[in-house]
Amino acid sequence: MSNKGFSHIGLSTLDLDKTRAFYEDVLGFKPVVADTLRIAEGGHLRHVFFDVGRDQLLAFMEANDMPGVPAKYDAGINRGLGVPAAFYHFAFEAGSEAGLAAKRDQLRAKGLEVTDIVDHGWAKSIYFSDPNGLSLEYCCLVRDLTEDDAVMQERGTIPRARLDFNNTTSATTSAEVSRVQSARGKVTA
C-alpha cells in the first residue's frame, strides 16, 4: 500500500465565522463542505472543510452548547499546552521561492504579521498565525533532498526565541544555516 498524503486535518475553533473569513478571504482556500450537526445529547457542531490543494482538506469544527465540551478553551494548541509556536504548526506549499515571497507580501498587505523569509538550507519558509492562534507556515523546497538529510545529526544552533516564530531577518537566518552547512561540508550558500 502506498502513501497518498492526507485526506484532511481536523481542528477546532471557538469562532467558525472568523476562522472561515480568514481561510477563505485572507488565504484564499475554497470551502468545499459546510454543515451543522445536531448532537443527540444537546448542542450542535458547525463544520467547514477547505481545499488547500492537491485534494487535501483542512477542517474546522465549532462546538456549541455541547455537554462535556467547555465553552472556552485555547484552540491555538501551542498556547494551551505552554509550548513554543514551532511545536505544532501547519505548513502550506508555496510552490517556489518567488511564490513564497509573493505570499509573504500578500499576507502583509492584508495586515497579517508575517516573518521574513527563513532559510532552512533545504527549504525556505514564512510563519504567521490564524485567528485561533494556530501557527501556520508557507514553505517551498529549494533543493532536492538527499539520503543524508534523513540521518539524524546536529545541524546548528538557534536561539530559543526562534521557536516562537519571532520575526527574523532572512540574512541572519541564511548566514546561520550556511555557516553550519559549510562547516560540515554540506550545501554552501
N, C-alpha and C. Protein backbone atom coordinates (compact mmCIF):
# COMPACT_ATOMS: atom_id res chain seq x y z
N MET A 1 0.85 -1.18 0.00
CA MET A 1 0.00 0.00 0.00
C MET A 1 0.89 1.24 0.00
N SER A 2 0.61 2.18 -0.89
CA SER A 2 1.43 3.39 -0.96
C SER A 2 0.74 4.53 -0.24
N ASN A 3 1.54 5.46 0.27
CA ASN A 3 1.01 6.65 0.91
C ASN A 3 0.57 7.65 -0.14
N LYS A 4 -0.52 8.30 0.11
CA LYS A 4 -1.07 9.25 -0.87
C LYS A 4 -1.30 10.63 -0.26
N GLY A 5 -0.62 10.94 0.86
CA GLY A 5 -0.84 12.22 1.51
C GLY A 5 -1.97 12.10 2.50
N PHE A 6 -2.51 13.22 2.94
CA PHE A 6 -3.61 13.15 3.89
C PHE A 6 -4.92 13.53 3.22
N SER A 7 -6.01 13.03 3.76
CA SER A 7 -7.35 13.39 3.30
C SER A 7 -7.70 14.76 3.87
N HIS A 8 -7.63 14.87 5.21
CA HIS A 8 -7.89 16.14 5.85
C HIS A 8 -7.28 16.16 7.24
N ILE A 9 -7.08 17.35 7.73
CA ILE A 9 -6.66 17.58 9.11
C ILE A 9 -7.84 18.28 9.77
N GLY A 10 -8.27 17.76 10.91
CA GLY A 10 -9.39 18.35 11.63
C GLY A 10 -8.92 19.15 12.83
N LEU A 11 -9.39 20.38 12.94
CA LEU A 11 -9.03 21.28 14.03
C LEU A 11 -10.29 21.89 14.61
N SER A 12 -10.15 22.56 15.74
CA SER A 12 -11.32 23.20 16.34
C SER A 12 -11.14 24.71 16.37
N THR A 13 -12.26 25.38 16.54
CA THR A 13 -12.27 26.83 16.65
C THR A 13 -13.41 27.23 17.58
N LEU A 14 -13.26 28.35 18.23
CA LEU A 14 -14.34 28.91 19.03
C LEU A 14 -15.19 29.88 18.22
N ASP A 15 -14.71 30.28 17.03
CA ASP A 15 -15.41 31.24 16.19
C ASP A 15 -15.26 30.82 14.73
N LEU A 16 -16.21 30.01 14.27
CA LEU A 16 -16.13 29.48 12.91
C LEU A 16 -16.28 30.58 11.86
N ASP A 17 -17.07 31.60 12.15
CA ASP A 17 -17.24 32.68 11.17
C ASP A 17 -15.93 33.42 10.94
N LYS A 18 -15.23 33.75 12.01
CA LYS A 18 -13.94 34.44 11.90
C LYS A 18 -12.90 33.54 11.22
N THR A 19 -12.92 32.26 11.59
CA THR A 19 -11.99 31.30 11.01
C THR A 19 -12.25 31.15 9.51
N ARG A 20 -13.53 31.02 9.13
CA ARG A 20 -13.86 30.88 7.72
C ARG A 20 -13.43 32.12 6.93
N ALA A 21 -13.68 33.29 7.48
CA ALA A 21 -13.29 34.53 6.79
C ALA A 21 -11.77 34.55 6.57
N PHE A 22 -11.00 34.13 7.55
CA PHE A 22 -9.54 34.12 7.42
C PHE A 22 -9.09 33.14 6.34
N TYR A 23 -9.52 31.91 6.41
CA TYR A 23 -9.04 30.89 5.47
C TYR A 23 -9.57 31.11 4.06
N GLU A 24 -10.78 31.64 3.94
CA GLU A 24 -11.36 31.89 2.63
C GLU A 24 -10.89 33.21 2.04
N ASP A 25 -11.01 34.29 2.80
CA ASP A 25 -10.74 35.62 2.26
C ASP A 25 -9.27 36.03 2.32
N VAL A 26 -8.55 35.63 3.37
CA VAL A 26 -7.16 36.02 3.50
C VAL A 26 -6.24 35.01 2.80
N LEU A 27 -6.41 33.72 3.09
CA LEU A 27 -5.53 32.71 2.48
C LEU A 27 -6.03 32.24 1.11
N GLY A 28 -7.29 32.44 0.81
CA GLY A 28 -7.82 32.08 -0.50
C GLY A 28 -8.18 30.61 -0.66
N PHE A 29 -8.41 29.90 0.44
CA PHE A 29 -8.79 28.49 0.37
C PHE A 29 -10.30 28.40 0.16
N LYS A 30 -10.70 27.58 -0.78
CA LYS A 30 -12.11 27.43 -1.12
C LYS A 30 -12.80 26.47 -0.14
N PRO A 31 -13.92 26.91 0.47
CA PRO A 31 -14.68 25.96 1.30
C PRO A 31 -15.39 24.97 0.37
N VAL A 32 -15.32 23.69 0.71
CA VAL A 32 -15.92 22.67 -0.15
C VAL A 32 -17.04 21.90 0.53
N VAL A 33 -17.09 21.92 1.85
CA VAL A 33 -18.18 21.31 2.62
C VAL A 33 -18.41 22.18 3.84
N ALA A 34 -19.67 22.48 4.12
CA ALA A 34 -20.04 23.20 5.34
C ALA A 34 -21.33 22.58 5.85
N ASP A 35 -21.33 22.20 7.11
CA ASP A 35 -22.53 21.57 7.65
C ASP A 35 -22.68 21.85 9.13
N THR A 36 -23.90 21.65 9.60
CA THR A 36 -24.21 21.71 11.02
C THR A 36 -24.68 20.32 11.42
N LEU A 37 -24.14 19.82 12.50
CA LEU A 37 -24.50 18.50 13.00
C LEU A 37 -25.14 18.66 14.38
N ARG A 38 -26.36 18.23 14.53
CA ARG A 38 -27.02 18.24 15.84
C ARG A 38 -26.45 17.11 16.68
N ILE A 39 -26.24 17.35 17.95
CA ILE A 39 -25.75 16.33 18.88
C ILE A 39 -26.95 15.81 19.67
N ALA A 40 -27.13 14.50 19.69
CA ALA A 40 -28.30 13.89 20.33
C ALA A 40 -28.46 14.32 21.78
N GLU A 41 -27.35 14.47 22.50
CA GLU A 41 -27.39 14.84 23.92
C GLU A 41 -27.57 16.34 24.14
N GLY A 42 -27.57 17.11 23.08
CA GLY A 42 -27.75 18.55 23.17
C GLY A 42 -26.63 19.31 22.47
N GLY A 43 -26.98 20.46 21.98
CA GLY A 43 -26.00 21.30 21.28
C GLY A 43 -25.81 20.90 19.83
N HIS A 44 -24.84 21.52 19.21
CA HIS A 44 -24.55 21.20 17.81
C HIS A 44 -23.11 21.58 17.47
N LEU A 45 -22.66 21.03 16.35
CA LEU A 45 -21.35 21.34 15.77
C LEU A 45 -21.57 22.05 14.45
N ARG A 46 -20.77 23.08 14.21
CA ARG A 46 -20.67 23.65 12.85
C ARG A 46 -19.32 23.21 12.34
N HIS A 47 -19.27 22.88 11.06
CA HIS A 47 -18.11 22.19 10.49
C HIS A 47 -17.87 22.73 9.09
N VAL A 48 -16.64 23.10 8.76
CA VAL A 48 -16.34 23.52 7.38
C VAL A 48 -15.01 22.92 6.96
N PHE A 49 -14.95 22.48 5.69
CA PHE A 49 -13.74 21.92 5.09
C PHE A 49 -13.25 22.86 4.01
N PHE A 50 -11.94 23.13 3.98
CA PHE A 50 -11.33 23.96 2.95
C PHE A 50 -10.40 23.11 2.10
N ASP A 51 -10.42 23.33 0.79
CA ASP A 51 -9.49 22.68 -0.11
C ASP A 51 -8.18 23.49 -0.09
N VAL A 52 -7.09 22.88 0.41
CA VAL A 52 -5.81 23.57 0.49
C VAL A 52 -4.89 23.19 -0.67
N GLY A 53 -5.39 22.41 -1.62
CA GLY A 53 -4.63 22.00 -2.79
C GLY A 53 -4.35 20.50 -2.79
N ARG A 54 -4.14 19.98 -3.98
CA ARG A 54 -3.81 18.56 -4.16
C ARG A 54 -4.83 17.63 -3.52
N ASP A 55 -6.10 18.04 -3.55
CA ASP A 55 -7.19 17.24 -2.98
C ASP A 55 -7.02 16.98 -1.49
N GLN A 56 -6.33 17.86 -0.80
CA GLN A 56 -6.16 17.74 0.65
C GLN A 56 -6.96 18.85 1.31
N LEU A 57 -7.60 18.49 2.42
CA LEU A 57 -8.54 19.39 3.06
C LEU A 57 -8.10 19.74 4.48
N LEU A 58 -8.53 20.91 4.92
CA LEU A 58 -8.34 21.37 6.28
C LEU A 58 -9.74 21.66 6.82
N ALA A 59 -10.09 21.02 7.95
CA ALA A 59 -11.44 21.15 8.50
C ALA A 59 -11.40 21.84 9.86
N PHE A 60 -12.42 22.64 10.12
CA PHE A 60 -12.60 23.28 11.42
C PHE A 60 -13.98 22.94 11.96
N MET A 61 -14.03 22.68 13.25
CA MET A 61 -15.25 22.32 13.93
C MET A 61 -15.47 23.29 15.10
N GLU A 62 -16.68 23.79 15.21
CA GLU A 62 -17.04 24.69 16.30
C GLU A 62 -18.16 24.03 17.11
N ALA A 63 -17.90 23.75 18.39
CA ALA A 63 -18.90 23.16 19.28
C ALA A 63 -19.76 24.25 19.90
N ASN A 64 -21.05 24.02 19.97
CA ASN A 64 -21.98 24.98 20.56
C ASN A 64 -22.89 24.27 21.55
N ASP A 65 -22.79 24.64 22.83
CA ASP A 65 -23.67 24.12 23.88
C ASP A 65 -23.67 22.60 23.98
N MET A 66 -22.50 22.00 23.78
CA MET A 66 -22.40 20.54 23.84
C MET A 66 -22.01 20.09 25.24
N PRO A 67 -22.72 19.12 25.78
CA PRO A 67 -22.35 18.60 27.10
C PRO A 67 -20.94 18.00 27.07
N GLY A 68 -20.16 18.31 28.11
CA GLY A 68 -18.82 17.76 28.22
C GLY A 68 -17.75 18.50 27.43
N VAL A 69 -18.15 19.54 26.69
CA VAL A 69 -17.18 20.34 25.93
C VAL A 69 -17.19 21.75 26.51
N PRO A 70 -16.04 22.23 27.00
CA PRO A 70 -16.04 23.58 27.60
C PRO A 70 -16.41 24.64 26.57
N ALA A 71 -17.08 25.68 27.05
CA ALA A 71 -17.47 26.78 26.18
C ALA A 71 -16.25 27.57 25.72
N LYS A 72 -15.22 27.62 26.54
CA LYS A 72 -14.00 28.35 26.21
C LYS A 72 -12.79 27.44 26.43
N TYR A 73 -11.89 27.42 25.48
CA TYR A 73 -10.62 26.71 25.57
C TYR A 73 -9.68 27.36 24.58
N ASP A 74 -8.41 27.04 24.63
CA ASP A 74 -7.44 27.63 23.72
C ASP A 74 -7.31 26.76 22.48
N ALA A 75 -7.91 27.19 21.39
CA ALA A 75 -7.86 26.43 20.14
C ALA A 75 -6.53 26.59 19.41
N GLY A 76 -5.62 27.40 19.99
CA GLY A 76 -4.32 27.62 19.36
C GLY A 76 -3.30 26.52 19.58
N ILE A 77 -3.64 25.49 20.30
CA ILE A 77 -2.85 24.30 20.61
C ILE A 77 -1.58 24.65 21.39
N ASN A 78 -0.63 25.35 20.80
CA ASN A 78 0.65 25.62 21.46
C ASN A 78 0.48 26.41 22.75
N ARG A 79 -0.29 27.48 22.70
CA ARG A 79 -0.51 28.29 23.91
C ARG A 79 -1.15 27.46 25.01
N GLY A 80 -2.16 26.67 24.64
CA GLY A 80 -2.85 25.85 25.61
C GLY A 80 -1.95 24.83 26.28
N LEU A 81 -0.97 24.34 25.53
CA LEU A 81 -0.02 23.37 26.06
C LEU A 81 1.20 24.04 26.71
N GLY A 82 1.37 25.34 26.47
CA GLY A 82 2.51 26.06 27.04
C GLY A 82 3.83 25.73 26.36
N VAL A 83 3.76 25.46 25.05
CA VAL A 83 4.98 25.13 24.30
C VAL A 83 5.21 26.18 23.21
N PRO A 84 6.43 26.26 22.66
CA PRO A 84 6.71 27.25 21.62
C PRO A 84 5.84 27.06 20.37
N ALA A 85 5.66 28.14 19.64
CA ALA A 85 4.81 28.15 18.44
C ALA A 85 5.23 27.12 17.40
N ALA A 86 6.51 26.78 17.35
CA ALA A 86 7.00 25.85 16.33
C ALA A 86 6.57 24.40 16.58
N PHE A 87 6.19 24.08 17.80
CA PHE A 87 5.93 22.67 18.13
C PHE A 87 4.76 22.10 17.35
N TYR A 88 3.65 22.81 17.26
CA TYR A 88 2.50 22.37 16.47
C TYR A 88 2.22 23.46 15.45
N HIS A 89 2.50 23.17 14.19
CA HIS A 89 2.21 24.14 13.14
C HIS A 89 1.84 23.39 11.87
N PHE A 90 1.22 24.11 10.96
CA PHE A 90 0.75 23.53 9.71
C PHE A 90 1.36 24.32 8.57
N ALA A 91 2.02 23.61 7.66
CA ALA A 91 2.74 24.27 6.56
C ALA A 91 2.02 24.02 5.24
N PHE A 92 1.78 25.09 4.50
CA PHE A 92 1.18 25.02 3.18
C PHE A 92 2.29 25.20 2.15
N GLU A 93 2.13 24.58 1.00
CA GLU A 93 3.12 24.63 -0.08
C GLU A 93 3.04 25.98 -0.80
N ALA A 94 4.19 26.64 -0.94
CA ALA A 94 4.26 27.92 -1.66
C ALA A 94 4.60 27.73 -3.13
N GLY A 95 5.18 26.58 -3.49
CA GLY A 95 5.46 26.28 -4.89
C GLY A 95 6.83 26.67 -5.38
N SER A 96 7.33 27.82 -4.94
CA SER A 96 8.64 28.30 -5.39
C SER A 96 9.08 29.42 -4.47
N GLU A 97 10.34 29.82 -4.61
CA GLU A 97 10.83 30.95 -3.82
C GLU A 97 10.08 32.23 -4.18
N ALA A 98 9.82 32.42 -5.48
CA ALA A 98 9.07 33.60 -5.91
C ALA A 98 7.64 33.55 -5.35
N GLY A 99 7.04 32.36 -5.35
CA GLY A 99 5.70 32.20 -4.79
C GLY A 99 5.68 32.47 -3.30
N LEU A 100 6.74 32.08 -2.60
CA LEU A 100 6.85 32.32 -1.16
C LEU A 100 6.93 33.82 -0.88
N ALA A 101 7.78 34.52 -1.62
CA ALA A 101 7.92 35.97 -1.44
C ALA A 101 6.60 36.68 -1.76
N ALA A 102 5.92 36.23 -2.81
CA ALA A 102 4.63 36.83 -3.18
C ALA A 102 3.60 36.59 -2.08
N LYS A 103 3.58 35.38 -1.52
CA LYS A 103 2.63 35.06 -0.46
C LYS A 103 2.91 35.92 0.78
N ARG A 104 4.19 36.09 1.12
CA ARG A 104 4.56 36.95 2.25
C ARG A 104 4.02 38.37 2.02
N ASP A 105 4.25 38.90 0.84
CA ASP A 105 3.82 40.26 0.53
C ASP A 105 2.29 40.38 0.54
N GLN A 106 1.59 39.36 0.00
CA GLN A 106 0.12 39.37 0.00
C GLN A 106 -0.42 39.37 1.43
N LEU A 107 0.13 38.51 2.27
CA LEU A 107 -0.35 38.42 3.65
C LEU A 107 -0.08 39.70 4.43
N ARG A 108 1.10 40.27 4.23
CA ARG A 108 1.42 41.54 4.90
C ARG A 108 0.50 42.65 4.42
N ALA A 109 0.19 42.66 3.12
CA ALA A 109 -0.71 43.68 2.57
C ALA A 109 -2.12 43.56 3.16
N LYS A 110 -2.48 42.36 3.61
CA LYS A 110 -3.79 42.14 4.24
C LYS A 110 -3.73 42.38 5.74
N GLY A 111 -2.58 42.88 6.24
CA GLY A 111 -2.45 43.26 7.64
C GLY A 111 -1.96 42.18 8.57
N LEU A 112 -1.53 41.04 8.05
CA LEU A 112 -1.02 39.98 8.92
C LEU A 112 0.42 40.24 9.31
N GLU A 113 0.77 39.84 10.51
CA GLU A 113 2.16 39.86 10.95
C GLU A 113 2.80 38.57 10.44
N VAL A 114 3.77 38.70 9.55
CA VAL A 114 4.40 37.57 8.89
C VAL A 114 5.91 37.71 9.05
N THR A 115 6.60 36.62 9.36
CA THR A 115 8.05 36.69 9.48
C THR A 115 8.69 36.99 8.14
N ASP A 116 9.92 37.41 8.18
CA ASP A 116 10.71 37.46 6.96
C ASP A 116 10.92 36.02 6.49
N ILE A 117 11.43 35.86 5.30
CA ILE A 117 11.69 34.51 4.78
C ILE A 117 12.84 33.89 5.58
N VAL A 118 12.60 32.68 6.07
CA VAL A 118 13.59 31.94 6.85
C VAL A 118 14.20 30.87 5.94
N ASP A 119 15.51 30.85 5.86
CA ASP A 119 16.24 29.88 5.03
C ASP A 119 16.70 28.71 5.90
N HIS A 120 16.11 27.54 5.67
CA HIS A 120 16.47 26.34 6.43
C HIS A 120 17.59 25.55 5.74
N GLY A 121 18.06 26.02 4.62
CA GLY A 121 19.08 25.29 3.87
C GLY A 121 18.47 24.40 2.80
N TRP A 122 17.48 23.63 3.15
CA TRP A 122 16.80 22.73 2.21
C TRP A 122 15.42 23.25 1.81
N ALA A 123 14.92 24.23 2.59
CA ALA A 123 13.62 24.84 2.33
C ALA A 123 13.64 26.27 2.83
N LYS A 124 12.70 27.06 2.35
CA LYS A 124 12.51 28.41 2.85
C LYS A 124 11.06 28.54 3.29
N SER A 125 10.83 29.36 4.33
CA SER A 125 9.51 29.45 4.95
C SER A 125 9.20 30.85 5.43
N ILE A 126 7.90 31.10 5.58
CA ILE A 126 7.40 32.26 6.31
C ILE A 126 6.41 31.71 7.35
N TYR A 127 6.27 32.43 8.46
CA TYR A 127 5.41 31.98 9.55
C TYR A 127 4.45 33.08 9.97
N PHE A 128 3.26 32.68 10.39
CA PHE A 128 2.23 33.60 10.84
C PHE A 128 1.20 32.80 11.62
N SER A 129 0.17 33.47 12.15
CA SER A 129 -0.86 32.79 12.93
C SER A 129 -2.24 33.08 12.37
N ASP A 130 -3.16 32.14 12.62
CA ASP A 130 -4.55 32.38 12.24
C ASP A 130 -5.29 33.00 13.43
N PRO A 131 -6.57 33.35 13.28
CA PRO A 131 -7.30 34.00 14.38
C PRO A 131 -7.43 33.14 15.64
N ASN A 132 -7.27 31.82 15.51
CA ASN A 132 -7.33 30.92 16.66
C ASN A 132 -6.02 30.86 17.42
N GLY A 133 -4.96 31.44 16.83
CA GLY A 133 -3.63 31.34 17.42
C GLY A 133 -2.86 30.14 16.90
N LEU A 134 -3.40 29.44 15.89
CA LEU A 134 -2.67 28.32 15.29
C LEU A 134 -1.47 28.84 14.51
N SER A 135 -0.35 28.16 14.64
CA SER A 135 0.86 28.54 13.91
C SER A 135 0.79 27.98 12.50
N LEU A 136 0.97 28.87 11.52
CA LEU A 136 0.90 28.48 10.11
C LEU A 136 2.19 28.86 9.41
N GLU A 137 2.43 28.19 8.30
CA GLU A 137 3.66 28.39 7.53
C GLU A 137 3.35 28.22 6.06
N TYR A 138 4.02 28.99 5.22
CA TYR A 138 4.13 28.68 3.80
C TYR A 138 5.57 28.30 3.59
N CYS A 139 5.81 27.27 2.80
CA CYS A 139 7.15 26.70 2.64
C CYS A 139 7.36 26.27 1.20
N CYS A 140 8.62 26.27 0.77
CA CYS A 140 8.98 25.68 -0.52
C CYS A 140 10.36 25.04 -0.40
N LEU A 141 10.52 23.91 -1.05
CA LEU A 141 11.84 23.26 -1.10
C LEU A 141 12.73 24.07 -2.03
N VAL A 142 14.01 24.17 -1.68
CA VAL A 142 14.94 24.92 -2.52
C VAL A 142 16.02 24.03 -3.13
N ARG A 143 15.98 22.76 -2.79
CA ARG A 143 16.91 21.80 -3.39
C ARG A 143 16.33 20.40 -3.20
N ASP A 144 16.87 19.46 -3.96
CA ASP A 144 16.47 18.07 -3.79
C ASP A 144 16.99 17.56 -2.45
N LEU A 145 16.17 16.77 -1.78
CA LEU A 145 16.59 16.17 -0.52
C LEU A 145 17.44 14.94 -0.81
N THR A 146 18.40 14.68 0.06
CA THR A 146 19.31 13.54 -0.12
C THR A 146 19.11 12.55 1.02
N GLU A 147 19.71 11.38 0.89
CA GLU A 147 19.65 10.39 1.97
C GLU A 147 20.27 10.96 3.25
N ASP A 148 21.31 11.75 3.10
CA ASP A 148 21.98 12.35 4.26
C ASP A 148 21.03 13.25 5.05
N ASP A 149 20.08 13.89 4.35
CA ASP A 149 19.12 14.76 5.04
C ASP A 149 18.28 13.97 6.04
N ALA A 150 18.06 12.68 5.79
CA ALA A 150 17.21 11.85 6.66
C ALA A 150 17.97 11.26 7.83
N VAL A 151 19.28 11.49 7.90
CA VAL A 151 20.10 10.98 9.00
C VAL A 151 20.07 12.00 10.14
N MET A 152 19.66 11.57 11.33
CA MET A 152 19.60 12.48 12.48
C MET A 152 21.01 12.94 12.81
N GLN A 153 21.21 14.24 12.81
CA GLN A 153 22.52 14.81 13.12
C GLN A 153 22.36 16.26 13.52
N GLU A 154 23.30 16.76 14.28
CA GLU A 154 23.25 18.15 14.67
C GLU A 154 23.52 19.01 13.45
N ARG A 155 22.67 20.00 13.25
CA ARG A 155 22.80 20.85 12.06
C ARG A 155 22.99 22.31 12.41
N GLY A 156 23.15 22.62 13.68
CA GLY A 156 23.37 24.01 14.05
C GLY A 156 22.76 24.35 15.38
N THR A 157 22.82 25.62 15.71
CA THR A 157 22.29 26.14 16.97
C THR A 157 21.42 27.33 16.65
N ILE A 158 20.26 27.39 17.28
CA ILE A 158 19.37 28.54 17.11
C ILE A 158 18.98 29.07 18.48
N PRO A 159 18.66 30.35 18.57
CA PRO A 159 18.18 30.87 19.84
C PRO A 159 16.77 30.33 20.14
N ARG A 160 16.46 30.13 21.40
CA ARG A 160 15.14 29.61 21.82
C ARG A 160 14.02 30.47 21.24
N ALA A 161 14.21 31.77 21.18
CA ALA A 161 13.18 32.69 20.69
C ALA A 161 12.76 32.37 19.25
N ARG A 162 13.63 31.78 18.46
CA ARG A 162 13.28 31.42 17.08
C ARG A 162 12.11 30.44 17.03
N LEU A 163 11.95 29.64 18.08
CA LEU A 163 10.87 28.65 18.11
C LEU A 163 9.50 29.30 18.30
N ASP A 164 9.50 30.58 18.63
CA ASP A 164 8.25 31.32 18.77
C ASP A 164 7.93 32.10 17.50
N PHE A 165 8.68 31.86 16.44
CA PHE A 165 8.48 32.49 15.14
C PHE A 165 8.52 34.01 15.22
N ASN A 166 9.38 34.52 16.09
CA ASN A 166 9.59 35.96 16.11
C ASN A 166 10.19 36.34 14.78
N ASN A 167 9.95 37.57 14.35
CA ASN A 167 10.42 37.99 13.05
C ASN A 167 11.95 38.01 13.02
N THR A 168 12.51 37.19 12.15
CA THR A 168 13.96 37.14 11.98
C THR A 168 14.28 37.57 10.57
N THR A 169 15.41 38.18 10.39
CA THR A 169 15.77 38.58 9.04
C THR A 169 16.32 37.38 8.29
N SER A 170 15.98 37.29 7.03
CA SER A 170 16.44 36.15 6.24
C SER A 170 17.96 36.15 6.12
N ALA A 171 18.58 37.32 6.15
CA ALA A 171 20.04 37.36 6.04
C ALA A 171 20.70 36.68 7.23
N THR A 172 20.20 36.98 8.43
CA THR A 172 20.77 36.35 9.63
C THR A 172 20.54 34.85 9.60
N THR A 173 19.32 34.45 9.28
CA THR A 173 18.99 33.04 9.25
C THR A 173 19.81 32.32 8.19
N SER A 174 19.91 32.89 7.02
CA SER A 174 20.67 32.28 5.94
C SER A 174 22.14 32.15 6.33
N ALA A 175 22.68 33.17 7.00
CA ALA A 175 24.08 33.11 7.41
C ALA A 175 24.29 31.99 8.42
N GLU A 176 23.34 31.83 9.36
CA GLU A 176 23.45 30.75 10.35
C GLU A 176 23.49 29.39 9.67
N VAL A 177 22.52 29.16 8.77
CA VAL A 177 22.42 27.87 8.09
C VAL A 177 23.65 27.64 7.22
N SER A 178 24.05 28.63 6.46
CA SER A 178 25.21 28.48 5.58
C SER A 178 26.47 28.18 6.35
N ARG A 179 26.67 28.88 7.49
CA ARG A 179 27.86 28.66 8.30
C ARG A 179 27.90 27.22 8.80
N VAL A 180 26.79 26.73 9.29
CA VAL A 180 26.74 25.37 9.82
C VAL A 180 26.96 24.35 8.70
N GLN A 181 26.28 24.55 7.58
CA GLN A 181 26.42 23.57 6.49
C GLN A 181 27.78 23.62 5.84
N SER A 182 28.37 24.79 5.71
CA SER A 182 29.71 24.89 5.15
C SER A 182 30.72 24.19 6.04
N ALA A 183 30.56 24.36 7.34
CA ALA A 183 31.47 23.73 8.29
C ALA A 183 31.38 22.21 8.20
N ARG A 184 30.21 21.69 7.84
CA ARG A 184 30.02 20.26 7.74
C ARG A 184 30.34 19.74 6.34
N GLY A 185 30.68 20.63 5.43
CA GLY A 185 30.96 20.20 4.07
C GLY A 185 29.71 19.90 3.27
N LYS A 186 28.59 20.46 3.70
CA LYS A 186 27.32 20.25 3.01
C LYS A 186 27.08 21.38 2.03
N VAL A 187 25.83 21.70 1.83
CA VAL A 187 25.45 22.75 0.90
C VAL A 187 26.05 24.07 1.34
N THR A 188 26.60 24.81 0.42
CA THR A 188 27.11 26.13 0.75
C THR A 188 26.24 27.17 0.06
N ALA A 189 26.14 28.30 0.70
CA ALA A 189 25.29 29.36 0.13
C ALA A 189 26.06 30.15 -0.90
